[in-house]
Amino acid sequence: MIAIMDELDPHTLRVAASLVRSRAANLKLDPRMDGLQRLGAHRTLTQLAIDLEVSADHVGPRRRRRPA
């Protein structure tokens, strides 16, 4: 059974933003796209990452690391 979350998890949103940013960074290595396609994809993915981070900031604070 799949449980439906009532609230978004800010940590999950930040991880998703990080994954999107890494994909955007790897676009220049994709030989299937020309320069304009890469530029458009890069801009779209960058905006998605920004939107995810803003949503994460709105949902909850960053996790703080415990001192060792």
PDB file of N, CA and C in Angstrom:
ATOM      1  N   MET A   1       0.845  -1.179   0.000  1.00  0.00           N
ATOM      2  CA  MET A   1       0.000   0.000   0.000  1.00  0.00           C
ATOM      3  C   MET A   1       0.891   1.243   0.000  1.00  0.00           C
ATOM      4  N   ILE A   2       0.514   2.232  -0.764  1.00  0.00           N
ATOM      5  CA  ILE A   2       1.286   3.465  -0.868  1.00  0.00           C
ATOM      6  C   ILE A   2       0.658   4.514   0.025  1.00  0.00           C
ATOM      7  N   ALA A   3       1.487   5.110   0.881  1.00  0.00           N
ATOM      8  CA  ALA A   3       1.004   6.169   1.754  1.00  0.00           C
ATOM      9  C   ALA A   3       1.156   7.512   1.038  1.00  0.00           C
ATOM     10  N   ILE A   4       0.143   8.337   1.132  1.00  0.00           N
ATOM     11  CA  ILE A   4       0.169   9.654   0.515  1.00  0.00           C
ATOM     12  C   ILE A   4       0.589  10.662   1.572  1.00  0.00           C
ATOM     13  N   MET A   5       1.587  11.469   1.229  1.00  0.00           N
ATOM     14  CA  MET A   5       2.085  12.461   2.175  1.00  0.00           C
ATOM     15  C   MET A   5       1.195  13.694   2.129  1.00  0.00           C
ATOM     16  N   ASP A   6       0.887  14.227   3.297  1.00  0.00           N
ATOM     17  CA  ASP A   6       0.097  15.452   3.367  1.00  0.00           C
ATOM     18  C   ASP A   6       0.964  16.675   3.105  1.00  0.00           C
ATOM     19  N   GLU A   7       2.243  16.590   3.472  1.00  0.00           N
ATOM     20  CA  GLU A   7       3.147  17.728   3.321  1.00  0.00           C
ATOM     21  C   GLU A   7       4.367  17.313   2.517  1.00  0.00           C
ATOM     22  N   LEU A   8       4.952  18.281   1.869  1.00  0.00           N
ATOM     23  CA  LEU A   8       6.194  18.037   1.148  1.00  0.00           C
ATOM     24  C   LEU A   8       7.357  18.038   2.119  1.00  0.00           C
ATOM     25  N   ASP A   9       8.324  17.219   1.839  1.00  0.00           N
ATOM     26  CA  ASP A   9       9.525  17.134   2.657  1.00  0.00           C
ATOM     27  C   ASP A   9      10.586  18.059   2.055  1.00  0.00           C
ATOM     28  N   PRO A  10      11.064  19.077   2.793  1.00  0.00           N
ATOM     29  CA  PRO A  10      12.031  20.009   2.221  1.00  0.00           C
ATOM     30  C   PRO A  10      13.343  19.331   1.826  1.00  0.00           C
ATOM     31  N   HIS A  11      13.751  18.327   2.576  1.00  0.00           N
ATOM     32  CA  HIS A  11      14.994  17.620   2.234  1.00  0.00           C
ATOM     33  C   HIS A  11      14.862  16.930   0.873  1.00  0.00           C
ATOM     34  N   THR A  12      13.733  16.302   0.632  1.00  0.00           N
ATOM     35  CA  THR A  12      13.493  15.628  -0.645  1.00  0.00           C
ATOM     36  C   THR A  12      13.489  16.635  -1.796  1.00  0.00           C
ATOM     37  N   LEU A  13      12.879  17.789  -1.587  1.00  0.00           N
ATOM     38  CA  LEU A  13      12.875  18.817  -2.625  1.00  0.00           C
ATOM     39  C   LEU A  13      14.295  19.299  -2.931  1.00  0.00           C
ATOM     40  N   ARG A  14      15.121  19.441  -1.893  1.00  0.00           N
ATOM     41  CA  ARG A  14      16.502  19.883  -2.112  1.00  0.00           C
ATOM     42  C   ARG A  14      17.325  18.818  -2.829  1.00  0.00           C
ATOM     43  N   VAL A  15      17.082  17.557  -2.515  1.00  0.00           N
ATOM     44  CA  VAL A  15      17.772  16.474  -3.224  1.00  0.00           C
ATOM     45  C   VAL A  15      17.355  16.471  -4.690  1.00  0.00           C
ATOM     46  N   ALA A  16      16.073  16.653  -4.949  1.00  0.00           N
ATOM     47  CA  ALA A  16      15.597  16.711  -6.331  1.00  0.00           C
ATOM     48  C   ALA A  16      16.236  17.885  -7.072  1.00  0.00           C
ATOM     49  N   ALA A  17      16.354  19.031  -6.421  1.00  0.00           N
ATOM     50  CA  ALA A  17      17.002  20.195  -7.040  1.00  0.00           C
ATOM     51  C   ALA A  17      18.459  19.888  -7.360  1.00  0.00           C
ATOM     52  N   SER A  18      19.124  19.193  -6.467  1.00  0.00           N
ATOM     53  CA  SER A  18      20.519  18.815  -6.701  1.00  0.00           C
ATOM     54  C   SER A  18      20.644  17.881  -7.900  1.00  0.00           C
ATOM     55  N   LEU A  19      19.738  16.928  -8.012  1.00  0.00           N
ATOM     56  CA  LEU A  19      19.745  16.005  -9.152  1.00  0.00           C
ATOM     57  C   LEU A  19      19.484  16.741 -10.468  1.00  0.00           C
ATOM     58  N   VAL A  20      18.572  17.685 -10.439  1.00  0.00           N
ATOM     59  CA  VAL A  20      18.272  18.472 -11.637  1.00  0.00           C
ATOM     60  C   VAL A  20      19.489  19.294 -12.047  1.00  0.00           C
ATOM     61  N   ARG A  21      20.157  19.890 -11.062  1.00  0.00           N
ATOM     62  CA  ARG A  21      21.364  20.683 -11.369  1.00  0.00           C
ATOM     63  C   ARG A  21      22.471  19.803 -11.960  1.00  0.00           C
ATOM     64  N   SER A  22      22.623  18.597 -11.457  1.00  0.00           N
ATOM     65  CA  SER A  22      23.657  17.711 -12.001  1.00  0.00           C
ATOM     66  C   SER A  22      23.315  17.299 -13.425  1.00  0.00           C
ATOM     67  N   ARG A  23      22.041  17.101 -13.707  1.00  0.00           N
ATOM     68  CA  ARG A  23      21.624  16.771 -15.078  1.00  0.00           C
ATOM     69  C   ARG A  23      21.877  17.951 -16.012  1.00  0.00           C
ATOM     70  N   ALA A  24      21.606  19.149 -15.543  1.00  0.00           N
ATOM     71  CA  ALA A  24      21.850  20.341 -16.354  1.00  0.00           C
ATOM     72  C   ALA A  24      23.345  20.502 -16.633  1.00  0.00           C
ATOM     73  N   ALA A  25      24.179  20.155 -15.674  1.00  0.00           N
ATOM     74  CA  ALA A  25      25.626  20.261 -15.864  1.00  0.00           C
ATOM     75  C   ALA A  25      26.134  19.257 -16.891  1.00  0.00           C
ATOM     76  N   ASN A  26      25.454  18.132 -17.036  1.00  0.00           N
ATOM     77  CA  ASN A  26      25.885  17.095 -17.976  1.00  0.00           C
ATOM     78  C   ASN A  26      25.322  17.268 -19.384  1.00  0.00           C
ATOM     79  N   LEU A  27      24.533  18.288 -19.617  1.00  0.00           N
ATOM     80  CA  LEU A  27      23.926  18.489 -20.933  1.00  0.00           C
ATOM     81  C   LEU A  27      24.953  18.702 -22.036  1.00  0.00           C
ATOM     82  N   LYS A  28      26.063  19.363 -21.711  1.00  0.00           N
ATOM     83  CA  LYS A  28      27.060  19.647 -22.746  1.00  0.00           C
ATOM     84  C   LYS A  28      27.708  18.375 -23.286  1.00  0.00           C
ATOM     85  N   LEU A  29      27.536  17.267 -22.577  1.00  0.00           N
ATOM     86  CA  LEU A  29      28.097  15.995 -23.021  1.00  0.00           C
ATOM     87  C   LEU A  29      27.132  15.194 -23.885  1.00  0.00           C
ATOM     88  N   ASP A  30      25.904  15.675 -24.044  1.00  0.00           N
ATOM     89  CA  ASP A  30      24.889  14.939 -24.793  1.00  0.00           C
ATOM     90  C   ASP A  30      25.008  15.230 -26.289  1.00  0.00           C
ATOM     91  N   PRO A  31      25.472  14.264 -27.084  1.00  0.00           N
ATOM     92  CA  PRO A  31      25.676  14.514 -28.508  1.00  0.00           C
ATOM     93  C   PRO A  31      24.377  14.551 -29.318  1.00  0.00           C
ATOM     94  N   ARG A  32      23.263  14.171 -28.717  1.00  0.00           N
ATOM     95  CA  ARG A  32      21.995  14.141 -29.456  1.00  0.00           C
ATOM     96  C   ARG A  32      21.373  15.521 -29.598  1.00  0.00           C
ATOM     97  N   MET A  33      21.862  16.505 -28.863  1.00  0.00           N
ATOM     98  CA  MET A  33      21.258  17.836 -28.883  1.00  0.00           C
ATOM     99  C   MET A  33      22.203  18.831 -29.554  1.00  0.00           C
ATOM    100  N   ASP A  34      21.620  19.791 -30.269  1.00  0.00           N
ATOM    101  CA  ASP A  34      22.455  20.858 -30.806  1.00  0.00           C
ATOM    102  C   ASP A  34      22.562  21.959 -29.748  1.00  0.00           C
ATOM    103  N   GLY A  35      23.272  23.027 -30.077  1.00  0.00           N
ATOM    104  CA  GLY A  35      23.530  24.088 -29.107  1.00  0.00           C
ATOM    105  C   GLY A  35      22.278  24.763 -28.576  1.00  0.00           C
ATOM    106  N   LEU A  36      21.326  25.047 -29.450  1.00  0.00           N
ATOM    107  CA  LEU A  36      20.101  25.713 -29.000  1.00  0.00           C
ATOM    108  C   LEU A  36      19.259  24.801 -28.118  1.00  0.00           C
ATOM    109  N   GLN A  37      19.213  23.519 -28.448  1.00  0.00           N
ATOM    110  CA  GLN A  37      18.463  22.580 -27.602  1.00  0.00           C
ATOM    111  C   GLN A  37      19.101  22.489 -26.223  1.00  0.00           C
ATOM    112  N   ARG A  38      20.426  22.424 -26.187  1.00  0.00           N
ATOM    113  CA  ARG A  38      21.114  22.351 -24.893  1.00  0.00           C
ATOM    114  C   ARG A  38      20.875  23.606 -24.081  1.00  0.00           C
ATOM    115  N   LEU A  39      20.925  24.763 -24.738  1.00  0.00           N
ATOM    116  CA  LEU A  39      20.702  26.027 -24.038  1.00  0.00           C
ATOM    117  C   LEU A  39      19.292  26.080 -23.457  1.00  0.00           C
ATOM    118  N   GLY A  40      18.305  25.695 -24.251  1.00  0.00           N
ATOM    119  CA  GLY A  40      16.929  25.702 -23.760  1.00  0.00           C
ATOM    120  C   GLY A  40      16.718  24.719 -22.626  1.00  0.00           C
ATOM    121  N   ALA A  41      17.291  23.532 -22.766  1.00  0.00           N
ATOM    122  CA  ALA A  41      17.164  22.526 -21.709  1.00  0.00           C
ATOM    123  C   ALA A  41      17.875  22.982 -20.446  1.00  0.00           C
ATOM    124  N   HIS A  42      19.047  23.595 -20.612  1.00  0.00           N
ATOM    125  CA  HIS A  42      19.808  24.063 -19.449  1.00  0.00           C
ATOM    126  C   HIS A  42      19.025  25.136 -18.698  1.00  0.00           C
ATOM    127  N   ARG A  43      18.448  26.073 -19.446  1.00  0.00           N
ATOM    128  CA  ARG A  43      17.660  27.136 -18.796  1.00  0.00           C
ATOM    129  C   ARG A  43      16.440  26.570 -18.091  1.00  0.00           C
ATOM    130  N   THR A  44      15.767  25.642 -18.721  1.00  0.00           N
ATOM    131  CA  THR A  44      14.576  25.037 -18.124  1.00  0.00           C
ATOM    132  C   THR A  44      14.926  24.254 -16.871  1.00  0.00           C
ATOM    133  N   LEU A  45      15.983  23.452 -16.937  1.00  0.00           N
ATOM    134  CA  LEU A  45      16.387  22.666 -15.768  1.00  0.00           C
ATOM    135  C   LEU A  45      16.880  23.559 -14.637  1.00  0.00           C
ATOM    136  N   THR A  46      17.600  24.621 -14.980  1.00  0.00           N
ATOM    137  CA  THR A  46      18.070  25.558 -13.950  1.00  0.00           C
ATOM    138  C   THR A  46      16.880  26.213 -13.257  1.00  0.00           C
ATOM    139  N   GLN A  47      15.876  26.618 -14.031  1.00  0.00           N
ATOM    140  CA  GLN A  47      14.687  27.234 -13.427  1.00  0.00           C
ATOM    141  C   GLN A  47      13.943  26.226 -12.555  1.00  0.00           C
ATOM    142  N   LEU A  48      13.868  24.973 -12.987  1.00  0.00           N
ATOM    143  CA  LEU A  48      13.228  23.938 -12.177  1.00  0.00           C
ATOM    144  C   LEU A  48      13.958  23.760 -10.855  1.00  0.00           C
ATOM    145  N   ALA A  49      15.289  23.728 -10.890  1.00  0.00           N
ATOM    146  CA  ALA A  49      16.071  23.585  -9.655  1.00  0.00           C
ATOM    147  C   ALA A  49      15.831  24.763  -8.713  1.00  0.00           C
ATOM    148  N   ILE A  50      15.778  25.964  -9.259  1.00  0.00           N
ATOM    149  CA  ILE A  50      15.506  27.147  -8.435  1.00  0.00           C
ATOM    150  C   ILE A  50      14.120  27.048  -7.814  1.00  0.00           C
ATOM    151  N   ASP A  51      13.137  26.648  -8.613  1.00  0.00           N
ATOM    152  CA  ASP A  51      11.772  26.512  -8.100  1.00  0.00           C
ATOM    153  C   ASP A  51      11.685  25.462  -6.990  1.00  0.00           C
ATOM    154  N   LEU A  52      12.393  24.361  -7.158  1.00  0.00           N
ATOM    155  CA  LEU A  52      12.389  23.322  -6.121  1.00  0.00           C
ATOM    156  C   LEU A  52      13.027  23.827  -4.833  1.00  0.00           C
ATOM    157  N   GLU A  53      14.118  24.579  -4.950  1.00  0.00           N
ATOM    158  CA  GLU A  53      14.785  25.109  -3.751  1.00  0.00           C
ATOM    159  C   GLU A  53      13.920  26.148  -3.049  1.00  0.00           C
ATOM    160  N   VAL A  54      13.257  27.000  -3.816  1.00  0.00           N
ATOM    161  CA  VAL A  54      12.363  27.990  -3.212  1.00  0.00           C
ATOM    162  C   VAL A  54      11.204  27.282  -2.509  1.00  0.00           C
ATOM    163  N   SER A  55      10.666  26.261  -3.129  1.00  0.00           N
ATOM    164  CA  SER A  55       9.592  25.487  -2.501  1.00  0.00           C
ATOM    165  C   SER A  55      10.080  24.831  -1.212  1.00  0.00           C
ATOM    166  N   ALA A  56      11.292  24.301  -1.234  1.00  0.00           N
ATOM    167  CA  ALA A  56      11.855  23.678  -0.035  1.00  0.00           C
ATOM    168  C   ALA A  56      12.020  24.704   1.078  1.00  0.00           C
ATOM    169  N   ASP A  57      12.481  25.905   0.739  1.00  0.00           N
ATOM    170  CA  ASP A  57      12.630  26.958   1.746  1.00  0.00           C
ATOM    171  C   ASP A  57      11.276  27.367   2.315  1.00  0.00           C
ATOM    172  N   HIS A  58      10.262  27.330   1.476  1.00  0.00           N
ATOM    173  CA  HIS A  58       8.918  27.696   1.928  1.00  0.00           C
ATOM    174  C   HIS A  58       8.317  26.622   2.831  1.00  0.00           C
ATOM    175  N   VAL A  59       8.602  25.357   2.531  1.00  0.00           N
ATOM    176  CA  VAL A  59       8.016  24.236   3.280  1.00  0.00           C
ATOM    177  C   VAL A  59       8.658  24.082   4.654  1.00  0.00           C
ATOM    178  N   GLY A  60       9.973  24.253   4.728  1.00  0.00           N
ATOM    179  CA  GLY A  60      10.628  24.055   6.014  1.00  0.00           C
ATOM    180  C   GLY A  60      12.088  24.439   5.976  1.00  0.00           C
ATOM    181  N   PRO A  61      12.696  24.536   7.144  1.00  0.00           N
ATOM    182  CA  PRO A  61      14.099  24.945   7.225  1.00  0.00           C
ATOM    183  C   PRO A  61      15.044  23.835   6.768  1.00  0.00           C
ATOM    184  N   ARG A  62      16.274  24.217   6.520  1.00  0.00           N
ATOM    185  CA  ARG A  62      17.315  23.253   6.168  1.00  0.00           C
ATOM    186  C   ARG A  62      17.627  22.382   7.375  1.00  0.00           C
ATOM    187  N   ARG A  63      18.041  21.152   7.084  1.00  0.00           N
ATOM    188  CA  ARG A  63      18.495  20.275   8.176  1.00  0.00           C
ATOM    189  C   ARG A  63      19.832  20.792   8.665  1.00  0.00           C
ATOM    190  N   ARG A  64      19.959  20.846   9.955  1.00  0.00           N
ATOM    191  CA  ARG A  64      21.237  21.288  10.529  1.00  0.00           C
ATOM    192  C   ARG A  64      22.046  20.066  10.934  1.00  0.00           C
ATOM    193  N   ARG A  65      23.296  20.115  10.603  1.00  0.00           N
ATOM    194  CA  ARG A  65      24.176  19.001  10.981  1.00  0.00           C
ATOM    195  C   ARG A  65      24.514  19.118  12.457  1.00  0.00           C
ATOM    196  N   ARG A  66      24.528  17.981  13.092  1.00  0.00           N
ATOM    197  CA  ARG A  66      24.887  17.965  14.510  1.00  0.00           C
ATOM    198  C   ARG A  66      26.389  18.054  14.654  1.00  0.00           C
ATOM    199  N   PRO A  67      26.857  18.831  15.631  1.00  0.00           N
ATOM    200  CA  PRO A  67      28.314  18.902  15.841  1.00  0.00           C
ATOM    201  C   PRO A  67      28.864  17.548  16.283  1.00  0.00           C
ATOM    202  N   ALA A  68      30.024  17.216  15.783  1.00  0.00           N
ATOM    203  CA  ALA A  68      30.625  15.908  16.093  1.00  0.00           C
ATOM    204  C   ALA A  68      31.248  15.850  17.453  1.00  0.00           C
TER     205      ALA A  68
END
